[in-house]
N, C-alpha and C. Protein backbone atom coordinates (compact mmCIF):
# COMPACT_ATOMS: atom_id res chain seq x y z
N MET A 1 -21.51 141.05 90.64
CA MET A 1 -21.95 141.35 91.94
C MET A 1 -21.00 140.70 92.96
N LYS A 2 -20.64 139.46 92.78
CA LYS A 2 -19.84 138.72 93.69
C LYS A 2 -18.42 139.50 93.80
N VAL A 3 -17.93 140.03 92.64
CA VAL A 3 -16.68 140.64 92.72
C VAL A 3 -16.77 141.92 93.64
N LYS A 4 -17.72 142.73 93.54
CA LYS A 4 -17.96 143.78 94.28
C LYS A 4 -17.95 143.49 95.83
N SER A 5 -18.74 142.35 96.21
CA SER A 5 -18.77 141.92 97.54
C SER A 5 -17.42 141.51 98.03
N ILE A 6 -16.69 140.83 97.23
CA ILE A 6 -15.38 140.35 97.66
C ILE A 6 -14.46 141.59 97.84
N LEU A 7 -14.55 142.44 96.89
CA LEU A 7 -13.68 143.72 97.01
C LEU A 7 -14.05 144.51 98.23
N GLY A 8 -15.28 144.58 98.43
CA GLY A 8 -15.77 145.34 99.69
C GLY A 8 -15.33 144.66 100.99
N ILE A 9 -15.41 143.39 101.04
CA ILE A 9 -14.99 142.68 102.21
C ILE A 9 -13.45 142.72 102.40
N SER A 10 -12.66 142.62 101.23
CA SER A 10 -11.27 142.72 101.32
C SER A 10 -10.83 144.17 101.75
N THR A 11 -11.48 145.09 101.21
CA THR A 11 -11.14 146.51 101.70
C THR A 11 -11.38 146.75 103.20
N LEU A 12 -12.56 146.18 103.60
CA LEU A 12 -12.94 146.35 104.94
C LEU A 12 -11.94 145.62 105.86
N THR A 13 -11.55 144.44 105.50
CA THR A 13 -10.66 143.70 106.28
C THR A 13 -9.22 144.36 106.28
N LEU A 14 -8.80 144.96 105.21
CA LEU A 14 -7.50 145.64 105.26
C LEU A 14 -7.57 146.88 106.15
N LEU A 15 -8.75 147.61 106.09
CA LEU A 15 -8.93 148.79 107.01
C LEU A 15 -8.87 148.34 108.57
N ILE A 16 -9.62 147.30 108.85
CA ILE A 16 -9.61 146.75 110.24
C ILE A 16 -8.16 146.44 110.67
N ILE A 17 -7.47 145.66 109.82
CA ILE A 17 -6.11 145.19 110.08
C ILE A 17 -5.21 146.49 110.34
N ALA A 18 -5.36 147.46 109.39
CA ALA A 18 -4.48 148.66 109.46
C ALA A 18 -4.81 149.47 110.73
N SER A 19 -6.10 149.59 111.05
CA SER A 19 -6.43 150.43 112.23
C SER A 19 -6.00 149.72 113.46
N GLY A 20 -6.09 148.30 113.54
CA GLY A 20 -5.64 147.68 114.71
C GLY A 20 -4.14 147.75 114.89
N SER A 21 -3.42 147.70 113.81
CA SER A 21 -1.95 147.83 113.90
C SER A 21 -1.57 149.26 114.38
N VAL A 22 -2.28 150.21 114.04
CA VAL A 22 -1.99 151.62 114.47
C VAL A 22 -2.16 151.72 115.86
N TYR A 23 -3.29 151.24 116.36
CA TYR A 23 -3.54 151.30 117.81
C TYR A 23 -2.53 150.51 118.66
N SER A 24 -2.37 149.30 118.10
CA SER A 24 -1.44 148.38 118.90
C SER A 24 0.03 148.92 118.93
N SER A 25 0.45 149.51 117.84
CA SER A 25 1.75 149.95 117.69
C SER A 25 2.02 151.15 118.54
N ASN A 26 1.00 151.96 118.74
CA ASN A 26 1.10 153.21 119.54
C ASN A 26 1.05 152.99 121.04
N TYR A 27 0.46 151.87 121.44
CA TYR A 27 0.24 151.54 122.84
C TYR A 27 1.50 151.86 123.75
N GLN A 28 2.60 151.13 123.40
CA GLN A 28 3.82 151.26 124.18
C GLN A 28 4.40 152.70 124.18
N GLU A 29 4.21 153.31 122.96
CA GLU A 29 4.78 154.69 122.80
C GLU A 29 4.08 155.67 123.68
N HIS A 30 2.78 155.63 123.69
CA HIS A 30 2.03 156.61 124.53
C HIS A 30 2.11 156.33 126.07
N SER A 31 2.40 155.14 126.38
CA SER A 31 2.49 154.81 127.84
C SER A 31 3.82 154.72 128.41
N LYS A 32 4.90 155.04 127.62
CA LYS A 32 6.20 154.87 128.14
C LYS A 32 6.63 155.79 129.26
N ASP A 33 5.95 156.98 129.36
CA ASP A 33 6.25 157.85 130.43
C ASP A 33 5.38 157.72 131.76
N VAL A 34 4.54 156.75 131.67
CA VAL A 34 3.63 156.65 132.83
C VAL A 34 4.35 155.73 133.87
N GLU A 35 4.41 156.26 135.07
CA GLU A 35 5.06 155.57 136.17
C GLU A 35 4.26 154.41 136.64
N ASP A 36 4.96 153.39 136.93
CA ASP A 36 4.29 152.12 137.43
C ASP A 36 4.57 152.11 138.92
N TRP A 37 3.55 152.40 139.79
CA TRP A 37 3.75 152.39 141.19
C TRP A 37 4.37 151.09 141.78
N ARG A 38 4.04 150.00 141.09
CA ARG A 38 4.53 148.79 141.59
C ARG A 38 6.10 148.65 141.59
N LYS A 39 6.68 149.42 140.59
CA LYS A 39 8.17 149.38 140.47
C LYS A 39 8.79 150.60 141.01
N THR A 40 8.17 151.75 140.94
CA THR A 40 8.79 153.08 141.38
C THR A 40 8.37 153.58 142.72
N GLY A 41 7.27 153.05 143.27
CA GLY A 41 6.75 153.56 144.52
C GLY A 41 7.55 153.13 145.72
N THR A 42 7.47 153.89 146.73
CA THR A 42 8.10 153.51 148.03
C THR A 42 7.26 152.40 148.62
N PRO A 43 7.79 151.63 149.55
CA PRO A 43 6.97 150.56 150.18
C PRO A 43 5.64 151.14 150.75
N GLU A 44 5.68 152.31 151.23
CA GLU A 44 4.50 152.89 151.85
C GLU A 44 3.40 153.21 150.79
N GLU A 45 3.98 153.68 149.59
CA GLU A 45 3.06 154.05 148.43
C GLU A 45 2.53 152.79 147.80
N GLN A 46 3.39 151.78 147.71
CA GLN A 46 2.90 150.47 147.21
C GLN A 46 1.86 149.95 148.08
N LEU A 47 2.04 149.89 149.38
CA LEU A 47 0.95 149.30 150.33
C LEU A 47 -0.30 150.07 150.18
N LYS A 48 -0.27 151.44 150.12
CA LYS A 48 -1.43 152.31 150.01
C LYS A 48 -2.14 151.95 148.74
N ALA A 49 -1.47 151.75 147.63
CA ALA A 49 -2.14 151.32 146.33
C ALA A 49 -2.71 149.96 146.43
N LEU A 50 -1.99 149.04 147.08
CA LEU A 50 -2.57 147.75 147.19
C LEU A 50 -3.86 147.69 147.99
N VAL A 51 -3.93 148.48 149.13
CA VAL A 51 -5.02 148.56 149.89
C VAL A 51 -6.18 149.00 149.14
N LYS A 52 -5.99 149.99 148.22
CA LYS A 52 -7.03 150.48 147.32
C LYS A 52 -7.58 149.42 146.40
N VAL A 53 -6.73 148.59 145.91
CA VAL A 53 -7.21 147.60 144.88
C VAL A 53 -7.61 146.27 145.51
N THR A 54 -7.47 146.09 146.89
CA THR A 54 -7.86 144.94 147.58
C THR A 54 -9.40 144.79 147.40
N PRO A 55 -9.87 143.64 146.91
CA PRO A 55 -11.38 143.41 146.94
C PRO A 55 -11.98 143.67 148.27
N GLY A 56 -13.17 144.25 148.20
CA GLY A 56 -13.90 144.60 149.37
C GLY A 56 -14.97 143.44 149.70
N THR A 57 -15.76 143.62 150.74
CA THR A 57 -16.76 142.63 151.12
C THR A 57 -17.68 142.35 149.98
N HIS A 58 -18.06 143.34 149.23
CA HIS A 58 -19.04 143.15 148.15
C HIS A 58 -18.49 142.17 147.03
N HIS A 59 -17.15 141.99 147.03
CA HIS A 59 -16.54 141.08 146.06
C HIS A 59 -16.71 139.61 146.51
N TRP A 60 -16.58 139.43 147.79
CA TRP A 60 -16.53 138.11 148.39
C TRP A 60 -17.88 137.54 148.73
N MET A 61 -18.76 138.41 149.02
CA MET A 61 -20.11 137.91 149.50
C MET A 61 -20.90 137.08 148.46
N PRO A 62 -20.94 137.47 147.22
CA PRO A 62 -21.66 136.51 146.27
C PRO A 62 -21.03 135.11 146.08
N GLU A 63 -19.71 135.08 146.26
CA GLU A 63 -19.10 133.77 146.25
C GLU A 63 -19.42 133.01 147.44
N ILE A 64 -19.47 133.70 148.68
CA ILE A 64 -19.87 133.05 149.85
C ILE A 64 -21.28 132.50 149.73
N ALA A 65 -22.11 133.30 149.14
CA ALA A 65 -23.57 132.93 149.09
C ALA A 65 -23.73 131.77 148.07
N TYR A 66 -22.89 131.72 147.09
CA TYR A 66 -22.92 130.53 146.14
C TYR A 66 -22.38 129.25 146.90
N ARG A 67 -21.43 129.44 147.74
CA ARG A 67 -21.03 128.24 148.52
C ARG A 67 -22.08 127.73 149.57
N LEU A 68 -22.77 128.77 150.12
CA LEU A 68 -23.92 128.39 151.01
C LEU A 68 -24.98 127.58 150.26
N GLN A 69 -25.35 128.16 149.13
CA GLN A 69 -26.28 127.45 148.27
C GLN A 69 -25.89 125.95 148.02
N SER A 70 -24.66 125.95 147.46
CA SER A 70 -24.11 124.56 147.08
C SER A 70 -23.97 123.66 148.32
N MET A 71 -23.66 124.16 149.54
CA MET A 71 -23.50 123.39 150.74
C MET A 71 -24.96 122.78 151.06
N TYR A 72 -25.95 123.68 151.00
CA TYR A 72 -27.28 123.22 151.47
C TYR A 72 -27.70 122.08 150.49
N TRP A 73 -27.58 122.35 149.18
CA TRP A 73 -28.13 121.42 148.23
C TRP A 73 -27.27 120.09 148.18
N ALA A 74 -25.98 120.24 148.48
CA ALA A 74 -25.11 118.98 148.60
C ALA A 74 -25.65 118.18 149.75
N GLY A 75 -25.93 118.74 150.86
CA GLY A 75 -26.52 118.07 152.03
C GLY A 75 -27.83 117.44 151.75
N LYS A 76 -28.70 118.20 151.02
CA LYS A 76 -30.02 117.65 150.69
C LYS A 76 -29.85 116.39 149.76
N GLN A 77 -28.77 116.34 148.99
CA GLN A 77 -28.54 115.26 148.09
C GLN A 77 -27.63 114.21 148.73
N GLN A 78 -27.36 114.39 150.02
CA GLN A 78 -26.48 113.35 150.73
C GLN A 78 -25.06 113.37 150.27
N LYS A 79 -24.58 114.52 149.65
CA LYS A 79 -23.19 114.55 149.21
C LYS A 79 -22.36 115.29 150.24
N TRP A 80 -22.17 114.62 151.36
CA TRP A 80 -21.68 115.18 152.56
C TRP A 80 -20.29 115.68 152.37
N GLU A 81 -19.50 115.04 151.62
CA GLU A 81 -18.06 115.43 151.37
C GLU A 81 -18.05 116.78 150.72
N PHE A 82 -18.89 116.94 149.76
CA PHE A 82 -19.03 118.14 148.97
C PHE A 82 -19.56 119.27 149.81
N ALA A 83 -20.46 118.95 150.73
CA ALA A 83 -21.02 120.00 151.61
C ALA A 83 -19.97 120.46 152.57
N GLU A 84 -19.08 119.57 153.12
CA GLU A 84 -18.05 119.96 153.96
C GLU A 84 -17.00 120.80 153.17
N TYR A 85 -16.74 120.53 151.93
CA TYR A 85 -15.77 121.27 151.14
C TYR A 85 -16.40 122.73 151.00
N GLN A 86 -17.60 122.85 150.85
CA GLN A 86 -18.26 124.28 150.64
C GLN A 86 -18.14 124.98 152.09
N ILE A 87 -18.35 124.26 153.20
CA ILE A 87 -18.10 124.99 154.51
C ILE A 87 -16.63 125.40 154.60
N ASP A 88 -15.70 124.53 154.25
CA ASP A 88 -14.25 124.95 154.23
C ASP A 88 -13.98 126.18 153.49
N SER A 89 -14.64 126.20 152.33
CA SER A 89 -14.47 127.38 151.31
C SER A 89 -15.05 128.62 151.91
N MET A 90 -16.29 128.46 152.52
CA MET A 90 -16.92 129.67 153.06
C MET A 90 -15.97 130.17 154.19
N GLU A 91 -15.51 129.35 155.03
CA GLU A 91 -14.71 129.82 156.29
C GLU A 91 -13.44 130.62 155.76
N LYS A 92 -12.77 130.04 154.72
CA LYS A 92 -11.64 130.71 154.14
C LYS A 92 -11.90 132.05 153.62
N MET A 93 -13.13 132.07 152.82
CA MET A 93 -13.40 133.34 152.21
C MET A 93 -13.77 134.46 153.25
N ILE A 94 -14.52 134.03 154.29
CA ILE A 94 -14.92 134.99 155.35
C ILE A 94 -13.64 135.42 156.08
N GLY A 95 -12.63 134.61 156.22
CA GLY A 95 -11.35 135.03 156.75
C GLY A 95 -10.70 136.03 155.88
N ARG A 96 -10.79 135.85 154.47
CA ARG A 96 -10.22 136.88 153.65
C ARG A 96 -10.94 138.20 153.73
N VAL A 97 -12.23 138.17 153.97
CA VAL A 97 -13.02 139.37 154.18
C VAL A 97 -12.47 140.14 155.46
N ALA A 98 -12.26 139.33 156.56
CA ALA A 98 -11.77 139.92 157.85
C ALA A 98 -10.35 140.51 157.62
N ASN A 99 -9.54 139.87 156.80
CA ASN A 99 -8.26 140.33 156.57
C ASN A 99 -8.24 141.58 155.70
N ALA A 100 -9.09 141.57 154.68
CA ALA A 100 -9.16 142.76 153.75
C ALA A 100 -9.83 143.97 154.36
N ARG A 101 -10.81 143.67 155.24
CA ARG A 101 -11.65 144.76 155.80
C ARG A 101 -11.60 144.54 157.37
N PRO A 102 -10.57 144.87 158.04
CA PRO A 102 -10.49 144.59 159.48
C PRO A 102 -11.61 145.25 160.36
N LYS A 103 -12.29 146.35 159.87
CA LYS A 103 -13.38 146.89 160.69
C LYS A 103 -14.53 145.87 160.78
N ARG A 104 -14.53 144.95 159.87
CA ARG A 104 -15.72 143.96 159.92
C ARG A 104 -15.28 142.74 160.70
N GLY A 105 -14.05 142.73 161.32
CA GLY A 105 -13.59 141.73 162.05
C GLY A 105 -14.42 141.21 163.23
N PRO A 106 -14.87 142.21 164.04
CA PRO A 106 -15.71 141.78 165.21
C PRO A 106 -16.99 141.06 164.78
N SER A 107 -17.61 141.52 163.79
CA SER A 107 -18.83 140.90 163.23
C SER A 107 -18.60 139.55 162.73
N ILE A 108 -17.48 139.45 162.01
CA ILE A 108 -17.02 138.10 161.39
C ILE A 108 -16.71 137.15 162.49
N ASP A 109 -15.99 137.58 163.53
CA ASP A 109 -15.69 136.66 164.71
C ASP A 109 -16.92 136.08 165.29
N THR A 110 -17.97 136.97 165.52
CA THR A 110 -19.21 136.58 166.05
C THR A 110 -19.83 135.52 165.18
N PHE A 111 -19.90 135.85 163.88
CA PHE A 111 -20.53 134.90 162.94
C PHE A 111 -19.76 133.56 162.98
N LYS A 112 -18.46 133.57 162.85
CA LYS A 112 -17.68 132.35 162.85
C LYS A 112 -17.95 131.56 164.05
N ALA A 113 -17.99 132.20 165.25
CA ALA A 113 -18.23 131.46 166.51
C ALA A 113 -19.63 130.80 166.58
N ASN A 114 -20.64 131.45 165.90
CA ASN A 114 -21.95 130.96 165.97
C ASN A 114 -22.28 129.99 164.85
N VAL A 115 -21.43 129.83 163.85
CA VAL A 115 -21.91 129.09 162.63
C VAL A 115 -21.03 127.88 162.39
N PHE A 116 -19.81 127.97 162.22
CA PHE A 116 -19.00 126.90 161.65
C PHE A 116 -18.92 125.67 162.47
N GLY A 117 -18.87 125.77 163.77
CA GLY A 117 -18.84 124.50 164.59
C GLY A 117 -20.10 123.67 164.35
N GLU A 118 -21.27 124.35 164.35
CA GLU A 118 -22.52 123.72 164.14
C GLU A 118 -22.65 123.11 162.70
N LEU A 119 -22.16 123.73 161.72
CA LEU A 119 -22.18 123.27 160.33
C LEU A 119 -21.34 121.99 160.36
N TYR A 120 -20.14 122.07 160.83
CA TYR A 120 -19.30 120.89 160.76
C TYR A 120 -19.91 119.67 161.51
N LYS A 121 -20.51 119.95 162.61
CA LYS A 121 -21.20 118.85 163.33
C LYS A 121 -22.36 118.31 162.56
N ALA A 122 -23.02 119.13 162.00
CA ALA A 122 -24.22 118.71 161.21
C ALA A 122 -23.80 117.86 160.01
N VAL A 123 -22.76 118.28 159.34
CA VAL A 123 -22.17 117.45 158.20
C VAL A 123 -21.80 116.09 158.69
N LYS A 124 -21.08 116.16 159.75
CA LYS A 124 -20.60 114.83 160.28
C LYS A 124 -21.71 113.83 160.69
N SER A 125 -22.90 114.43 161.09
CA SER A 125 -24.02 113.67 161.53
C SER A 125 -24.61 112.93 160.30
N LYS A 126 -24.49 113.49 159.17
CA LYS A 126 -25.14 112.95 157.92
C LYS A 126 -26.59 112.85 158.09
N ASP A 127 -27.19 113.67 158.87
CA ASP A 127 -28.64 113.68 159.12
C ASP A 127 -29.15 115.08 158.57
N PHE A 128 -29.95 114.96 157.52
CA PHE A 128 -30.43 116.13 156.82
C PHE A 128 -31.13 117.10 157.75
N GLU A 129 -32.00 116.55 158.59
CA GLU A 129 -32.74 117.47 159.49
C GLU A 129 -31.92 118.20 160.36
N VAL A 130 -30.88 117.60 160.96
CA VAL A 130 -29.88 118.30 161.72
C VAL A 130 -29.13 119.41 160.94
N PHE A 131 -28.81 118.93 159.74
CA PHE A 131 -28.07 119.81 158.84
C PHE A 131 -28.93 121.07 158.42
N ALA A 132 -30.19 120.78 157.96
CA ALA A 132 -31.07 121.91 157.61
C ALA A 132 -31.24 122.88 158.78
N GLU A 133 -31.35 122.39 159.94
CA GLU A 133 -31.41 123.30 161.16
C GLU A 133 -30.13 124.19 161.26
N ALA A 134 -29.00 123.57 161.04
CA ALA A 134 -27.70 124.28 161.12
C ALA A 134 -27.62 125.32 159.93
N VAL A 135 -28.10 125.01 158.84
CA VAL A 135 -28.19 125.96 157.66
C VAL A 135 -29.19 127.16 158.06
N ALA A 136 -30.25 126.76 158.56
CA ALA A 136 -31.24 127.84 159.06
C ALA A 136 -30.57 128.83 160.00
N ILE A 137 -29.82 128.30 161.00
CA ILE A 137 -29.14 129.08 161.95
C ILE A 137 -28.08 129.94 161.17
N THR A 138 -27.45 129.34 160.30
CA THR A 138 -26.39 130.09 159.41
C THR A 138 -27.08 131.24 158.78
N SER A 139 -28.26 131.09 158.10
CA SER A 139 -28.94 132.08 157.33
C SER A 139 -29.29 133.17 158.29
N THR A 140 -29.75 132.84 159.40
CA THR A 140 -30.11 133.83 160.48
C THR A 140 -28.94 134.66 160.84
N GLU A 141 -27.78 134.00 161.08
CA GLU A 141 -26.54 134.71 161.47
C GLU A 141 -26.07 135.56 160.33
N CYS A 142 -26.18 135.02 159.10
CA CYS A 142 -25.79 135.98 157.96
C CYS A 142 -26.55 137.23 157.93
N THR A 143 -27.91 137.09 158.05
CA THR A 143 -28.80 138.30 158.10
C THR A 143 -28.45 139.23 159.19
N ALA A 144 -28.20 138.63 160.45
CA ALA A 144 -27.86 139.48 161.59
C ALA A 144 -26.56 140.18 161.32
N CYS A 145 -25.57 139.50 160.76
CA CYS A 145 -24.34 140.16 160.47
C CYS A 145 -24.52 141.23 159.46
N HIS A 146 -25.22 141.07 158.43
CA HIS A 146 -25.54 142.07 157.42
C HIS A 146 -26.22 143.34 158.13
N ALA A 147 -27.11 143.06 159.02
CA ALA A 147 -27.82 144.14 159.71
C ALA A 147 -26.85 144.93 160.53
N LYS A 148 -26.01 144.23 161.30
CA LYS A 148 -25.08 144.82 162.15
C LYS A 148 -24.12 145.76 161.37
N GLU A 149 -23.77 145.41 160.14
CA GLU A 149 -22.83 146.11 159.31
C GLU A 149 -23.50 147.14 158.46
N GLY A 150 -24.78 147.30 158.59
CA GLY A 150 -25.56 148.35 157.92
C GLY A 150 -26.22 147.88 156.56
N PHE A 151 -26.26 146.56 156.36
CA PHE A 151 -26.89 146.02 155.16
C PHE A 151 -28.09 145.08 155.52
N GLY A 152 -28.97 145.61 156.40
CA GLY A 152 -30.14 144.83 156.85
C GLY A 152 -31.02 144.36 155.78
N TYR A 153 -30.96 145.06 154.62
CA TYR A 153 -31.81 144.78 153.50
C TYR A 153 -31.41 143.46 152.76
N ILE A 154 -30.21 142.92 153.19
CA ILE A 154 -29.65 141.71 152.58
C ILE A 154 -30.05 140.58 153.50
N ALA A 155 -31.12 139.92 153.31
CA ALA A 155 -31.71 138.75 154.04
C ALA A 155 -31.44 137.49 153.35
N ILE A 156 -30.87 136.46 154.06
CA ILE A 156 -30.63 135.15 153.51
C ILE A 156 -31.66 134.18 153.88
N PRO A 157 -32.28 133.49 152.89
CA PRO A 157 -33.32 132.57 153.28
C PRO A 157 -32.77 131.24 153.82
N ALA A 158 -33.64 130.67 154.63
CA ALA A 158 -33.23 129.45 155.43
C ALA A 158 -33.08 128.29 154.42
N VAL A 159 -33.80 128.33 153.33
CA VAL A 159 -33.56 127.33 152.24
C VAL A 159 -33.17 128.12 150.98
N PRO A 160 -31.87 128.13 150.68
CA PRO A 160 -31.37 128.87 149.65
C PRO A 160 -31.75 128.23 148.22
N PRO A 161 -31.96 129.07 147.25
CA PRO A 161 -32.28 128.52 145.97
C PRO A 161 -31.16 127.61 145.45
N LYS A 162 -31.47 126.62 144.57
CA LYS A 162 -30.49 125.79 144.04
C LYS A 162 -29.61 126.46 143.16
N PRO A 163 -28.24 126.33 143.30
CA PRO A 163 -27.31 126.93 142.44
C PRO A 163 -27.09 126.21 141.15
N ASN A 164 -26.47 126.87 140.17
CA ASN A 164 -26.08 126.30 138.96
C ASN A 164 -24.75 125.56 139.23
N ASN A 165 -24.72 124.37 139.57
CA ASN A 165 -23.52 123.63 139.98
C ASN A 165 -23.49 122.28 139.34
N ILE A 166 -22.43 121.96 138.58
CA ILE A 166 -22.45 120.68 137.86
C ILE A 166 -22.23 119.47 138.73
N VAL A 167 -21.87 119.61 139.99
CA VAL A 167 -21.74 118.49 140.88
C VAL A 167 -23.12 118.09 141.47
N LEU A 168 -23.94 119.05 141.53
CA LEU A 168 -25.30 118.72 142.12
C LEU A 168 -26.30 118.33 141.06
N ASP A 169 -27.19 117.35 141.51
CA ASP A 169 -28.30 116.89 140.54
C ASP A 169 -29.35 118.01 140.47
């Protein structure tokens, strides 16, 4: 019985290896005539293709939300340096959204003007009550920005849920 099992496993292993090598060996052959726009396209074609593959707002928003959560809980735990790092990261990511999606620029400018100065001041105060108020304003501004951009169903709570973050207790 053991011999049959070993033979069956050996045969199956050989089939898998053989089929894998068939697919991998044909990869370059079947794709050799496919044009690579990065190498052969005009600058205008390359730019057009890059714009198509540039991540949109939906790509950045979950990361920004994660930073908001981490920032809030860092402040709650008096980890002010980490909270400030999260604010810096959010500001950079929102800048990327404005760069990648210029039509969102006016909404982002309003958001930035209403949020980041207050968040930085709140972190510097190292007073959680002041900080919690700045976070509540931030969540209101997030929700207002979403509504202005046609995503009013995306509402951000004033007290975000605790994120899965190894830095936080």
